[in-house]
Amino acid sequence: MRLLLVEDDNHVAAALSAVLKRHGFDVTHARSGEEALQALVPEGPGFGVVLLDLGLPDQDGYEVCGKIRKRTATPVIMVTARADVRSRIHGLNLGADDYVVKPYDTGELLARIHAVSRRTVSEDAAGAGENELLLGPVHIELPTRRVTVDGTVVQLTRKEFDLLALLAQRPGVVFRREQIISEVWRTSWEGTGRTLEVHVASLRAKLRMPALIETVRGVGYRLVAPA
């Protein structure tokens, strides 16, 4: 996922960018409101989420959020030390999708990023009537969490379904191991790698399609859509 980090403190931005990159994000850093708005022009790269610090040198962060919302539907998470309820309400009324107060736990921030991203994907899919994914003989019903192969129902655990749905919504895209662990298990990579390998092996066996989920050595996994 491409992520726009709007933060004027270079030390904070560097530390946070390093964490985000370890979890599979492609981070673009903007140091001011104007830089952020220039990065969000229609012909520019698309972003999955904007992390917006409110204490910017050139413009008030609330003002920047309002401008962002007028030109794009990209989810915005406000990151600020302003913890009072009135500030939160004001930010949400301006179109922010979430509001994180400093100091924050990195795990919580990652979970919030994935949450707003999933919510946006789900809303887009619902609006387009795409609540089902068809990948050759594999049929995935997202609302009912039902999976069939050639018309036969396959019983999956909750995490197996979440893992399959994540990969299936972007066939061919390589998901880093850290990114999958963060999104499906809501935790960090340490100590959970073996769990991911076991779930991938289980999915391959249950679906009887070993080639459906491809291992990208040293990186992660991707779903290979059947012909």
Protein backbone atom coordinates (compact mmCIF):
# COMPACT_ATOMS: atom_id res chain seq x y z
CA MET A 1 0.00 0.00 0.00
CA ARG A 2 1.21 3.50 -0.83
CA LEU A 3 0.98 5.81 2.19
CA LEU A 4 1.42 9.58 2.41
CA LEU A 5 3.02 10.68 5.69
CA VAL A 6 2.53 14.39 6.40
CA GLU A 7 4.94 15.28 9.21
CA ASP A 8 7.22 18.31 9.58
CA ASP A 9 9.58 16.70 12.11
CA ASN A 10 12.18 14.82 10.07
CA HIS A 11 13.32 12.65 13.00
CA VAL A 12 9.76 11.52 13.78
CA ALA A 13 9.07 10.95 10.09
CA ALA A 14 12.24 8.89 9.59
CA ALA A 15 11.50 6.62 12.56
CA LEU A 16 7.86 6.11 11.60
CA SER A 17 8.72 5.59 7.93
CA ALA A 18 11.16 2.84 8.88
CA VAL A 19 8.47 1.02 10.87
CA LEU A 20 5.88 1.41 8.11
CA LYS A 21 8.29 0.16 5.44
CA ARG A 22 9.05 -2.94 7.54
CA HIS A 23 5.34 -3.66 7.46
CA GLY A 24 5.12 -3.47 3.68
CA PHE A 25 4.12 0.17 3.10
CA ASP A 26 5.52 2.37 0.34
CA VAL A 27 5.91 5.69 2.18
CA THR A 28 6.01 9.18 0.67
CA HIS A 29 6.99 11.91 3.13
CA ALA A 30 5.53 15.42 2.87
CA ARG A 31 6.91 18.05 5.26
CA SER A 32 4.14 20.62 4.89
CA GLY A 33 0.50 20.99 3.97
CA GLU A 34 1.42 22.33 0.54
CA GLU A 35 3.71 19.36 -0.18
CA ALA A 36 0.90 17.02 0.82
CA LEU A 37 -1.61 18.71 -1.46
CA GLN A 38 0.84 18.65 -4.37
CA ALA A 39 1.34 14.90 -3.86
CA LEU A 40 -2.42 14.34 -4.00
CA VAL A 41 -3.02 15.81 -7.46
CA PRO A 42 -5.12 13.53 -9.74
CA GLU A 43 -2.21 12.76 -12.07
CA GLY A 44 0.06 11.84 -9.14
CA PRO A 45 0.54 8.42 -7.49
CA GLY A 46 -2.50 7.06 -5.71
CA PHE A 47 -2.33 6.58 -1.95
CA GLY A 48 -4.17 4.11 0.24
CA VAL A 49 -4.02 6.24 3.39
CA VAL A 50 -2.85 9.72 4.46
CA LEU A 51 -1.28 10.07 7.92
CA LEU A 52 -1.74 13.76 8.71
CA ASP A 53 0.03 15.53 11.57
CA LEU A 54 -1.88 18.64 12.62
CA GLY A 55 1.12 20.74 13.69
CA LEU A 56 2.36 21.78 10.25
CA PRO A 57 4.58 24.82 9.58
CA ASP A 58 2.61 26.41 6.73
CA GLN A 59 -1.04 25.56 7.32
CA ASP A 60 -3.23 24.29 10.11
CA GLY A 61 -3.69 20.53 9.81
CA TYR A 62 -7.47 20.87 10.00
CA GLU A 63 -7.39 23.21 7.01
CA VAL A 64 -5.22 20.74 5.10
CA CYS A 65 -7.65 17.90 5.90
CA GLY A 66 -10.55 19.93 4.50
CA LYS A 67 -8.61 20.60 1.29
CA ILE A 68 -7.62 16.94 0.97
CA ARG A 69 -11.21 15.85 1.36
CA LYS A 70 -12.33 18.20 -1.44
CA ARG A 71 -9.96 16.64 -3.96
CA THR A 72 -9.83 12.95 -2.99
CA ALA A 73 -11.64 10.22 -1.05
CA THR A 74 -8.34 8.77 0.23
CA PRO A 75 -8.73 7.86 3.94
CA VAL A 76 -7.15 10.40 6.30
CA ILE A 77 -5.90 9.54 9.79
CA MET A 78 -5.11 12.60 11.90
CA VAL A 79 -2.08 12.19 14.18
CA THR A 80 -1.83 14.82 16.90
CA ALA A 81 -1.16 15.63 20.53
CA ARG A 82 -4.55 17.35 20.79
CA ALA A 83 -6.47 14.84 22.89
CA ASP A 84 -9.60 16.80 23.84
CA VAL A 85 -12.96 15.58 22.57
CA ARG A 86 -13.77 18.86 20.79
CA SER A 87 -10.63 18.56 18.65
CA ARG A 88 -11.47 14.97 17.74
CA ILE A 89 -15.02 15.88 16.76
CA HIS A 90 -13.80 18.83 14.68
CA GLY A 91 -11.35 16.60 12.81
CA LEU A 92 -13.94 13.94 12.10
CA ASN A 93 -16.44 16.55 10.94
CA LEU A 94 -13.86 17.84 8.45
CA GLY A 95 -13.73 14.40 6.88
CA ALA A 96 -10.98 12.56 8.77
CA ASP A 97 -11.55 8.81 8.93
CA ASP A 98 -9.75 8.33 12.25
CA TYR A 99 -7.89 10.30 14.91
CA VAL A 100 -4.78 9.04 16.75
CA VAL A 101 -3.39 10.87 19.78
CA LYS A 102 0.35 11.12 20.47
CA PRO A 103 2.09 9.32 22.01
CA TYR A 104 0.62 6.24 20.35
CA ASP A 105 1.45 2.55 20.25
CA THR A 106 2.85 1.56 16.86
CA GLY A 107 0.77 -1.61 16.80
CA GLU A 108 -2.39 0.39 17.34
CA LEU A 109 -1.47 2.82 14.57
CA LEU A 110 -0.86 -0.06 12.14
CA ALA A 111 -4.19 -1.61 13.10
CA ARG A 112 -5.98 1.69 12.49
CA ILE A 113 -4.30 2.11 9.09
CA HIS A 114 -5.41 -1.36 8.02
CA ALA A 115 -8.89 -0.79 9.44
CA VAL A 116 -9.60 2.37 7.44
CA SER A 117 -8.05 0.76 4.36
CA ARG A 118 -10.26 -2.34 4.67
CA ARG A 119 -13.31 -0.19 5.30
CA THR A 120 -12.66 1.77 2.12
CA VAL A 121 -12.12 -1.40 0.08
CA SER A 122 -15.31 -2.91 1.51
CA GLU A 123 -17.32 0.22 0.74
CA ASP A 124 -15.99 0.33 -2.80
CA ALA A 125 -16.79 -3.33 -3.30
CA ALA A 126 -20.30 -2.91 -1.90
CA GLY A 127 -20.93 0.07 -4.14
CA ALA A 128 -19.83 -1.93 -7.18
CA GLY A 129 -21.72 -5.05 -6.15
CA GLU A 130 -18.45 -6.94 -5.79
CA ASN A 131 -18.99 -8.81 -2.54
CA GLU A 132 -17.90 -12.03 -4.22
CA LEU A 133 -14.54 -13.02 -5.64
CA LEU A 134 -14.31 -15.61 -8.42
CA LEU A 135 -10.88 -17.06 -9.08
CA GLY A 136 -11.24 -19.95 -11.49
CA PRO A 137 -12.98 -22.74 -9.54
CA VAL A 138 -12.62 -20.82 -6.25
CA HIS A 139 -15.65 -18.76 -5.21
CA ILE A 140 -15.29 -16.48 -2.17
CA GLU A 141 -18.33 -14.77 -0.63
CA LEU A 142 -17.02 -11.95 1.56
CA PRO A 143 -20.21 -11.07 3.54
CA THR A 144 -21.00 -14.70 4.46
CA ARG A 145 -17.35 -15.83 4.68
CA ARG A 146 -18.20 -18.82 2.50
CA VAL A 147 -15.69 -20.48 0.18
CA THR A 148 -16.42 -23.10 -2.46
CA VAL A 149 -14.21 -24.94 -4.95
CA ASP A 150 -16.05 -26.30 -7.99
CA GLY A 151 -19.29 -25.83 -6.05
CA THR A 152 -18.14 -27.76 -2.98
CA VAL A 153 -18.04 -25.85 0.30
CA VAL A 154 -14.60 -25.72 1.96
CA GLN A 155 -14.60 -25.27 5.73
CA LEU A 156 -12.01 -22.70 6.75
CA THR A 157 -11.08 -21.32 10.12
CA ARG A 158 -11.52 -17.59 10.71
CA LYS A 159 -7.85 -16.81 10.15
CA GLU A 160 -7.64 -19.07 7.09
CA PHE A 161 -10.53 -17.16 5.53
CA ASP A 162 -9.04 -13.77 6.45
CA LEU A 163 -5.73 -14.78 4.91
CA LEU A 164 -7.35 -16.07 1.71
CA ALA A 165 -9.59 -13.01 1.35
CA LEU A 166 -6.64 -10.65 1.83
CA LEU A 167 -4.59 -12.30 -0.92
CA ALA A 168 -7.58 -12.84 -3.23
CA GLN A 169 -8.63 -9.19 -3.29
CA ARG A 170 -5.36 -8.34 -5.07
CA PRO A 171 -4.36 -11.35 -7.21
CA GLY A 172 -0.76 -11.23 -8.33
CA VAL A 173 0.26 -8.65 -5.73
CA VAL A 174 3.03 -9.77 -3.37
CA PHE A 175 2.12 -9.29 0.30
CA ARG A 176 5.06 -9.06 2.68
CA ARG A 177 5.00 -11.48 5.60
CA GLU A 178 5.03 -8.59 8.07
CA GLN A 179 2.07 -6.97 6.32
CA ILE A 180 0.00 -10.19 6.41
CA ILE A 181 0.76 -10.77 10.09
CA SER A 182 -0.15 -7.17 10.93
CA GLU A 183 -3.45 -7.26 9.04
CA VAL A 184 -4.68 -10.81 9.73
CA TRP A 185 -3.29 -11.41 13.23
CA ARG A 186 -3.16 -7.77 14.44
CA THR A 187 0.30 -8.26 15.88
CA SER A 188 3.95 -7.88 14.94
CA TRP A 189 6.06 -10.36 12.98
CA GLU A 190 8.15 -11.61 15.90
CA GLY A 191 7.17 -15.14 16.88
CA THR A 192 4.27 -15.41 14.43
CA GLY A 193 6.10 -16.44 11.28
CA ARG A 194 5.56 -20.15 11.82
CA THR A 195 1.84 -19.55 12.34
CA LEU A 196 1.59 -17.90 8.93
CA GLU A 197 3.43 -20.78 7.24
CA VAL A 198 1.09 -23.30 8.86
CA HIS A 199 -2.01 -21.41 7.70
CA VAL A 200 -0.71 -21.14 4.14
CA ALA A 201 0.00 -24.88 4.08
CA SER A 202 -3.47 -25.59 5.48
CA LEU A 203 -5.14 -23.41 2.84
CA ARG A 204 -3.27 -25.15 0.03
CA ALA A 205 -4.35 -28.53 1.36
CA LYS A 206 -8.00 -27.65 2.02
CA LEU A 207 -8.47 -25.98 -1.35
CA ARG A 208 -6.52 -28.81 -3.05
CA MET A 209 -4.71 -26.17 -5.10
CA PRO A 210 -1.05 -26.02 -3.97
CA ALA A 211 -0.15 -23.55 -6.73
CA LEU A 212 -2.88 -21.06 -5.78
CA ILE A 213 -0.73 -19.36 -3.13
CA GLU A 214 2.82 -18.79 -4.29
CA THR A 215 5.75 -18.26 -1.92
CA VAL A 216 7.95 -15.34 -2.92
CA ARG A 217 11.23 -16.20 -1.24
CA GLY A 218 12.49 -13.65 1.22
CA VAL A 219 9.41 -11.46 0.79
CA GLY A 220 6.02 -13.10 1.36
CA TYR A 221 3.13 -14.59 -0.59
CA ARG A 222 0.86 -13.84 -3.51
CA LEU A 223 -2.24 -15.44 -4.93
CA VAL A 224 -1.92 -16.74 -8.48
CA ALA A 225 -5.33 -16.57 -10.13
CA PRO A 226 -6.16 -19.81 -11.95
CA ALA A 227 -6.68 -19.56 -15.70
